[in-house]
C-alpha atoms as a PDB file:
ATOM      1  CA  VAL A   1     -80.682 -21.578   9.428  1.00  0.00           C
ATOM      2  CA  ASP A   2     -84.405 -21.744   8.671  1.00  0.00           C
ATOM      3  CA  PHE A   3     -86.193 -20.226  11.738  1.00  0.00           C
ATOM      4  CA  ILE A   4     -84.568 -16.822  11.976  1.00  0.00           C
ATOM      5  CA  PRO A   5     -85.002 -15.915   8.085  1.00  0.00           C
ATOM      6  CA  LEU A   6     -88.626 -17.085   8.320  1.00  0.00           C
ATOM      7  CA  ALA A   7     -89.304 -14.988  11.116  1.00  0.00           C
ATOM      8  CA  GLU A   8     -87.632 -12.022   9.529  1.00  0.00           C
ATOM      9  CA  TYR A   9     -89.729 -12.578   6.477  1.00  0.00           C
ATOM     10  CA  LEU A  10     -93.000 -12.785   8.372  1.00  0.00           C
ATOM     11  CA  GLY A  11     -92.299  -9.874  10.308  1.00  0.00           C
ATOM     12  CA  LEU A  12     -92.241 -11.532  13.780  1.00  0.00           C
ATOM     13  CA  ILE A  13     -88.450 -11.037  14.454  1.00  0.00           C
ATOM     14  CA  ASN A  14     -88.740  -7.879  16.365  1.00  0.00           C
ATOM     15  CA  ALA A  15     -91.148  -9.337  18.840  1.00  0.00           C
ATOM     16  CA  ILE A  16     -89.104 -12.634  19.288  1.00  0.00           C
ATOM     17  CA  GLY A  17     -85.830 -10.676  19.491  1.00  0.00           C
ATOM     18  CA  GLU A  18     -87.295  -8.281  22.258  1.00  0.00           C
ATOM     19  CA  HIS A  19     -88.684 -11.321  24.122  1.00  0.00           C
ATOM     20  CA  VAL A  20     -85.326 -12.908  24.033  1.00  0.00           C
ATOM     21  CA  LEU A  21     -83.488  -9.855  24.969  1.00  0.00           C
ATOM     22  CA  ARG A  22     -85.660  -9.174  28.019  1.00  0.00           C
ATOM     23  CA  GLU A  23     -85.641 -12.719  29.216  1.00  0.00           C
ATOM     24  CA  ALA A  24     -81.755 -12.892  28.893  1.00  0.00           C
ATOM     25  CA  ALA A  25     -81.469  -9.610  30.866  1.00  0.00           C
ATOM     26  CA  LYS A  26     -83.867 -10.820  33.602  1.00  0.00           C
ATOM     27  CA  HIS A  27     -81.973 -14.008  34.169  1.00  0.00           C
ATOM     28  CA  CYS A  28     -78.638 -12.346  34.058  1.00  0.00           C
ATOM     29  CA  ARG A  29     -79.760  -9.857  36.718  1.00  0.00           C
ATOM     30  CA  TYR A  30     -81.084 -12.745  38.799  1.00  0.00           C
ATOM     31  CA  TRP A  31     -77.829 -14.722  38.523  1.00  0.00           C
ATOM     32  CA  ASN A  32     -75.905 -11.482  39.538  1.00  0.00           C
ATOM     33  CA  ASP A  33     -78.149 -11.060  42.523  1.00  0.00           C
ATOM     34  CA  MET A  34     -77.492 -14.656  43.417  1.00  0.00           C
ATOM     35  CA  GLY A  35     -73.799 -14.097  44.167  1.00  0.00           C
ATOM     36  CA  HIS A  36     -72.408 -14.028  40.653  1.00  0.00           C
ATOM     37  CA  PRO A  37     -71.977 -10.495  39.690  1.00  0.00           C
ATOM     38  CA  GLU A  38     -69.441 -11.440  37.032  1.00  0.00           C
ATOM     39  CA  TYR A  39     -72.073 -13.591  34.985  1.00  0.00           C
ATOM     40  CA  HIS A  40     -72.995 -11.829  31.931  1.00  0.00           C
ATOM     41  CA  VAL A  41     -75.160 -12.695  28.866  1.00  0.00           C
ATOM     42  CA  ASN A  42     -74.659 -12.441  24.940  1.00  0.00           C
ATOM     43  CA  VAL A  43     -77.680 -11.702  22.781  1.00  0.00           C
ATOM     44  CA  ASN A  44     -77.590 -11.929  19.018  1.00  0.00           C
ATOM     45  CA  LEU A  45     -79.413  -9.100  17.014  1.00  0.00           C
ATOM     46  CA  SER A  46     -81.310  -9.754  13.733  1.00  0.00           C
ATOM     47  CA  VAL A  47     -80.618  -7.385  10.969  1.00  0.00           C
ATOM     48  CA  VAL A  48     -84.222  -6.271  11.033  1.00  0.00           C
ATOM     49  CA  GLN A  49     -83.950  -5.501  14.797  1.00  0.00           C
ATOM     50  CA  LEU A  50     -80.787  -3.493  14.409  1.00  0.00           C
ATOM     51  CA  LEU A  51     -82.071  -1.382  11.737  1.00  0.00           C
ATOM     52  CA  GLN A  52     -85.130  -0.285  13.677  1.00  0.00           C
ATOM     53  CA  ASN A  53     -84.898   3.347  14.421  1.00  0.00           C
ATOM     54  CA  ASP A  54     -85.819   2.843  18.044  1.00  0.00           C
ATOM     55  CA  MET A  55     -83.438   0.014  18.845  1.00  0.00           C
ATOM     56  CA  LYS A  56     -81.453   2.017  21.233  1.00  0.00           C
ATOM     57  CA  GLU A  57     -84.667   2.986  23.118  1.00  0.00           C
ATOM     58  CA  LYS A  58     -85.630  -0.757  23.250  1.00  0.00           C
ATOM     59  CA  VAL A  59     -82.252  -1.690  24.561  1.00  0.00           C
ATOM     60  CA  ARG A  60     -82.537   1.045  27.292  1.00  0.00           C
ATOM     61  CA  GLU A  61     -86.178   0.161  28.227  1.00  0.00           C
ATOM     62  CA  VAL A  62     -84.942  -3.595  28.903  1.00  0.00           C
ATOM     63  CA  LEU A  63     -82.024  -2.266  31.091  1.00  0.00           C
ATOM     64  CA  GLU A  64     -84.163  -0.121  33.076  1.00  0.00           C
ATOM     65  CA  GLU A  65     -86.785  -2.715  33.546  1.00  0.00           C
ATOM     66  CA  THR A  66     -84.719  -5.460  34.687  1.00  0.00           C
ATOM     67  CA  LYS A  67     -82.159  -3.057  36.373  1.00  0.00           C
ATOM     68  CA  MET A  68     -79.261  -5.238  35.048  1.00  0.00           C
ATOM     69  CA  ASP A  69     -75.756  -3.804  35.003  1.00  0.00           C
ATOM     70  CA  PRO A  70     -75.225  -2.695  31.215  1.00  0.00           C
ATOM     71  CA  ALA A  71     -71.748  -3.894  31.316  1.00  0.00           C
ATOM     72  CA  ASN A  72     -72.910  -7.599  31.648  1.00  0.00           C
ATOM     73  CA  LEU A  73     -74.708  -7.427  28.454  1.00  0.00           C
ATOM     74  CA  THR A  74     -73.140  -8.019  25.068  1.00  0.00           C
ATOM     75  CA  LEU A  75     -75.062  -7.723  21.739  1.00  0.00           C
ATOM     76  CA  GLU A  76     -73.804  -9.637  18.729  1.00  0.00           C
ATOM     77  CA  VAL A  77     -74.283  -8.474  15.089  1.00  0.00           C
ATOM     78  CA  THR A  78     -73.020 -10.338  12.094  1.00  0.00           C
ATOM     79  CA  GLU A  79     -70.165  -9.231   9.787  1.00  0.00           C
ATOM     80  CA  SER A  80     -72.431  -9.356   6.803  1.00  0.00           C
ATOM     81  CA  LEU A  81     -74.850  -6.817   8.538  1.00  0.00           C
ATOM     82  CA  ALA A  82     -72.060  -4.499   9.134  1.00  0.00           C
ATOM     83  CA  ILE A  83     -70.825  -3.920   5.817  1.00  0.00           C
ATOM     84  CA  ASN A  84     -74.225  -3.244   4.167  1.00  0.00           C
ATOM     85  CA  ASP A  85     -74.373   0.424   5.242  1.00  0.00           C
ATOM     86  CA  MET A  86     -71.189   1.340   7.272  1.00  0.00           C
ATOM     87  CA  LYS A  87     -72.300   4.912   8.089  1.00  0.00           C
ATOM     88  CA  ARG A  88     -75.664   3.947   9.449  1.00  0.00           C
ATOM     89  CA  MET A  89     -74.188   0.839  11.436  1.00  0.00           C
ATOM     90  CA  LYS A  90     -71.571   2.932  13.043  1.00  0.00           C
ATOM     91  CA  LYS A  91     -74.254   5.414  14.473  1.00  0.00           C
ATOM     92  CA  ILE A  92     -76.473   2.688  15.542  1.00  0.00           C
ATOM     93  CA  LEU A  93     -73.517   0.662  17.259  1.00  0.00           C
ATOM     94  CA  SER A  94     -72.333   3.707  18.937  1.00  0.00           C
ATOM     95  CA  ASP A  95     -75.776   4.713  20.310  1.00  0.00           C
ATOM     96  CA  ILE A  96     -76.108   1.260  21.818  1.00  0.00           C
ATOM     97  CA  LYS A  97     -72.475   1.253  23.156  1.00  0.00           C
ATOM     98  CA  ASN A  98     -73.233   4.645  24.860  1.00  0.00           C
ATOM     99  CA  LEU A  99     -75.944   2.736  26.962  1.00  0.00           C
ATOM    100  CA  GLY A 100     -72.945   0.911  28.553  1.00  0.00           C
ATOM    101  CA  VAL A 101     -73.361  -2.448  26.847  1.00  0.00           C
ATOM    102  CA  LYS A 102     -70.700  -4.171  24.687  1.00  0.00           C
ATOM    103  CA  VAL A 103     -70.924  -4.956  21.183  1.00  0.00           C
ATOM    104  CA  ALA A 104     -69.269  -8.009  19.378  1.00  0.00           C
ATOM    105  CA  LEU A 105     -68.950  -8.694  15.682  1.00  0.00           C
ATOM    106  CA  ASP A 106     -70.138 -12.349  15.264  1.00  0.00           C
ATOM    107  CA  ASP A 107     -69.028 -14.827  12.646  1.00  0.00           C
ATOM    108  CA  PHE A 108     -65.866 -12.859  11.714  1.00  0.00           C
ATOM    109  CA  GLY A 109     -64.217 -14.264   8.621  1.00  0.00           C
ATOM    110  CA  THR A 110     -67.224 -15.739   6.842  1.00  0.00           C
ATOM    111  CA  GLY A 111     -68.326 -12.438   5.110  1.00  0.00           C
ATOM    112  CA  TYR A 112     -66.759 -10.239   2.306  1.00  0.00           C
ATOM    113  CA  SER A 113     -65.865  -7.255   4.468  1.00  0.00           C
ATOM    114  CA  SER A 114     -62.623  -5.445   4.198  1.00  0.00           C
ATOM    115  CA  LEU A 115     -60.465  -5.858   7.291  1.00  0.00           C
ATOM    116  CA  ASN A 116     -60.370  -2.139   7.559  1.00  0.00           C
ATOM    117  CA  HIS A 117     -64.128  -2.280   8.674  1.00  0.00           C
ATOM    118  CA  ILE A 118     -63.075  -3.845  12.047  1.00  0.00           C
ATOM    119  CA  ARG A 119     -61.135  -0.619  12.801  1.00  0.00           C
ATOM    120  CA  GLU A 120     -64.080   1.586  11.890  1.00  0.00           C
ATOM    121  CA  LEU A 121     -66.798  -0.226  13.822  1.00  0.00           C
ATOM    122  CA  PRO A 122     -67.392   0.634  17.464  1.00  0.00           C
ATOM    123  CA  ILE A 123     -66.952  -2.933  18.638  1.00  0.00           C
ATOM    124  CA  ASP A 124     -65.435  -4.405  21.725  1.00  0.00           C
ATOM    125  CA  ILE A 125     -65.226  -8.222  20.672  1.00  0.00           C
ATOM    126  CA  ILE A 126     -64.325  -9.832  17.364  1.00  0.00           C
ATOM    127  CA  LYS A 127     -65.786 -13.501  17.353  1.00  0.00           C
ATOM    128  CA  ILE A 128     -63.763 -15.810  14.936  1.00  0.00           C
ATOM    129  CA  ASP A 129     -66.151 -18.200  13.331  1.00  0.00           C
ATOM    130  CA  ARG A 130     -66.097 -21.871  14.134  1.00  0.00           C
ATOM    131  CA  CYS A 131     -65.017 -22.818  10.513  1.00  0.00           C
ATOM    132  CA  PHE A 132     -61.408 -21.668  11.295  1.00  0.00           C
ATOM    133  CA  ILE A 133     -61.227 -23.697  14.660  1.00  0.00           C
ATOM    134  CA  ILE A 134     -62.115 -27.223  13.181  1.00  0.00           C
ATOM    135  CA  ASP A 135     -58.682 -27.768  12.076  1.00  0.00           C
ATOM    136  CA  ILE A 136     -56.778 -25.364  14.361  1.00  0.00           C
ATOM    137  CA  GLY A 137     -53.494 -26.635  15.194  1.00  0.00           C
ATOM    138  CA  LYS A 138     -53.385 -28.915  12.007  1.00  0.00           C
ATOM    139  CA  ASP A 139     -54.195 -26.360   9.209  1.00  0.00           C
ATOM    140  CA  ASP A 140     -51.693 -23.663   8.428  1.00  0.00           C
ATOM    141  CA  PHE A 141     -54.443 -21.388   7.188  1.00  0.00           C
ATOM    142  CA  SER A 142     -56.406 -21.704  10.263  1.00  0.00           C
ATOM    143  CA  ASN A 143     -53.434 -20.942  12.479  1.00  0.00           C
ATOM    144  CA  ALA A 144     -52.423 -18.013  10.451  1.00  0.00           C
ATOM    145  CA  PHE A 145     -56.005 -16.477  10.359  1.00  0.00           C
ATOM    146  CA  VAL A 146     -56.371 -16.699  14.208  1.00  0.00           C
ATOM    147  CA  LYS A 147     -52.966 -15.150  14.760  1.00  0.00           C
ATOM    148  CA  MET A 148     -53.695 -12.403  12.164  1.00  0.00           C
ATOM    149  CA  VAL A 149     -56.957 -11.535  14.004  1.00  0.00           C
ATOM    150  CA  GLY A 150     -55.450 -11.493  17.388  1.00  0.00           C
ATOM    151  CA  GLU A 151     -52.614  -9.306  16.014  1.00  0.00           C
ATOM    152  CA  LEU A 152     -55.320  -6.698  14.469  1.00  0.00           C
ATOM    153  CA  ALA A 153     -57.444  -6.928  17.620  1.00  0.00           C
ATOM    154  CA  THR A 154     -54.550  -5.993  19.836  1.00  0.00           C
ATOM    155  CA  ALA A 155     -53.655  -3.122  17.608  1.00  0.00           C
ATOM    156  CA  ILE A 156     -57.123  -1.701  17.887  1.00  0.00           C
ATOM    157  CA  HIS A 157     -57.751  -2.687  21.284  1.00  0.00           C
ATOM    158  CA  VAL A 158     -60.605  -5.038  21.128  1.00  0.00           C
ATOM    159  CA  ASN A 159     -60.841  -8.586  22.485  1.00  0.00           C
ATOM    160  CA  VAL A 160     -60.933 -11.731  20.406  1.00  0.00           C
ATOM    161  CA  CYS A 161     -63.558 -14.482  21.081  1.00  0.00           C
ATOM    162  CA  VAL A 162     -63.004 -18.042  19.379  1.00  0.00           C
ATOM    163  CA  GLU A 163     -66.209 -19.910  18.555  1.00  0.00           C
ATOM    164  CA  GLY A 164     -66.688 -23.671  18.214  1.00  0.00           C
ATOM    165  CA  VAL A 165     -63.979 -25.019  20.525  1.00  0.00           C
ATOM    166  CA  GLU A 166     -65.095 -28.760  21.195  1.00  0.00           C
ATOM    167  CA  THR A 167     -62.001 -30.695  21.850  1.00  0.00           C
ATOM    168  CA  LYS A 168     -59.036 -30.673  24.246  1.00  0.00           C
ATOM    169  CA  GLU A 169     -56.781 -30.458  21.105  1.00  0.00           C
ATOM    170  CA  GLN A 170     -58.426 -27.286  19.744  1.00  0.00           C
ATOM    171  CA  LEU A 171     -58.072 -25.561  23.259  1.00  0.00           C
ATOM    172  CA  ASP A 172     -54.311 -26.524  23.470  1.00  0.00           C
ATOM    173  CA  ALA A 173     -53.732 -25.078  19.905  1.00  0.00           C
ATOM    174  CA  LEU A 174     -55.051 -21.793  21.141  1.00  0.00           C
ATOM    175  CA  VAL A 175     -52.491 -21.589  23.902  1.00  0.00           C
ATOM    176  CA  GLY A 176     -50.438 -18.545  23.498  1.00  0.00           C
ATOM    177  CA  SER A 177     -52.610 -16.929  20.936  1.00  0.00           C
ATOM    178  CA  LYS A 178     -53.835 -13.402  21.634  1.00  0.00           C
ATOM    179  CA  VAL A 179     -57.304 -14.760  22.382  1.00  0.00           C
ATOM    180  CA  GLN A 180     -59.144 -13.507  25.554  1.00  0.00           C
ATOM    181  CA  LEU A 181     -62.320 -15.584  25.317  1.00  0.00           C
ATOM    182  CA  ILE A 182     -63.272 -19.220  24.096  1.00  0.00           C
ATOM    183  CA  GLN A 183     -66.533 -20.468  23.462  1.00  0.00           C
ATOM    184  CA  GLY A 184     -67.786 -23.965  22.294  1.00  0.00           C
ATOM    185  CA  PHE A 185     -69.282 -27.423  23.400  1.00  0.00           C
ATOM    186  CA  TYR A 186     -65.914 -28.358  24.972  1.00  0.00           C
ATOM    187  CA  PHE A 187     -67.025 -26.075  28.101  1.00  0.00           C
ATOM    188  CA  GLY A 188     -70.856 -26.753  27.838  1.00  0.00           C
ATOM    189  CA  LYS A 189     -73.781 -27.290  25.506  1.00  0.00           C
ATOM    190  CA  PRO A 190     -76.976 -25.301  25.178  1.00  0.00           C
ATOM    191  CA  MET A 191     -79.139 -25.985  28.251  1.00  0.00           C
ATOM    192  CA  LYS A 192     -82.371 -24.589  29.847  1.00  0.00           C
ATOM    193  CA  ALA A 193     -81.948 -21.724  32.420  1.00  0.00           C
ATOM    194  CA  GLU A 194     -83.164 -24.145  35.286  1.00  0.00           C
ATOM    195  CA  MET A 195     -80.359 -26.594  34.415  1.00  0.00           C
ATOM    196  CA  PHE A 196     -77.851 -23.936  34.323  1.00  0.00           C
ATOM    197  CA  GLU A 197     -78.800 -22.582  37.806  1.00  0.00           C
ATOM    198  CA  ARG A 198     -78.517 -26.118  39.188  1.00  0.00           C
ATOM    199  CA  GLN A 199     -75.006 -26.454  37.847  1.00  0.00           C
ATOM    200  CA  TYR A 200     -73.607 -22.939  38.264  1.00  0.00           C
ATOM    201  CA  LEU A 201     -75.492 -20.965  40.993  1.00  0.00           C
END
């Protein structure tokens, strides 16, 4: 909440973002080579990064340098970012997708965009924000929202990822919904790469 805006304000976010992208790609390539070709990584992009004129080239450089499979990289952009300049955003995201990487619309449902925008944007995944999952199964609005997004995603042929699943009850409430991906502390909390490798390689 504090770090990213400050890094953007100070003009440091591009260098930080490039470092994060390169390290994520490097680790993913290593994990793929260690017998897990199905492992992939998601990397969040700041609005400042995404609006760079050479963002596509920076992503291409990382892919070429690390030799990772582009299909194993998903770049996440926020819903609020997407609605500021739709024409420009569509062009940038299309250019990135042409490299073979996936694009996810993060924190969906928290911004002010029209639902029509998800049809216009060249995205592969819609990520439903965790605020809709906290009371899933107990709150009619949350249940209806997840169901609606699932139906819309099916219609435009994109996948849905639900964020913030922390309990078995939340997981059970999603059974039967049109959700392909589930993310949250129920499956694991943030950890260092070394710990991840000890557990999952």
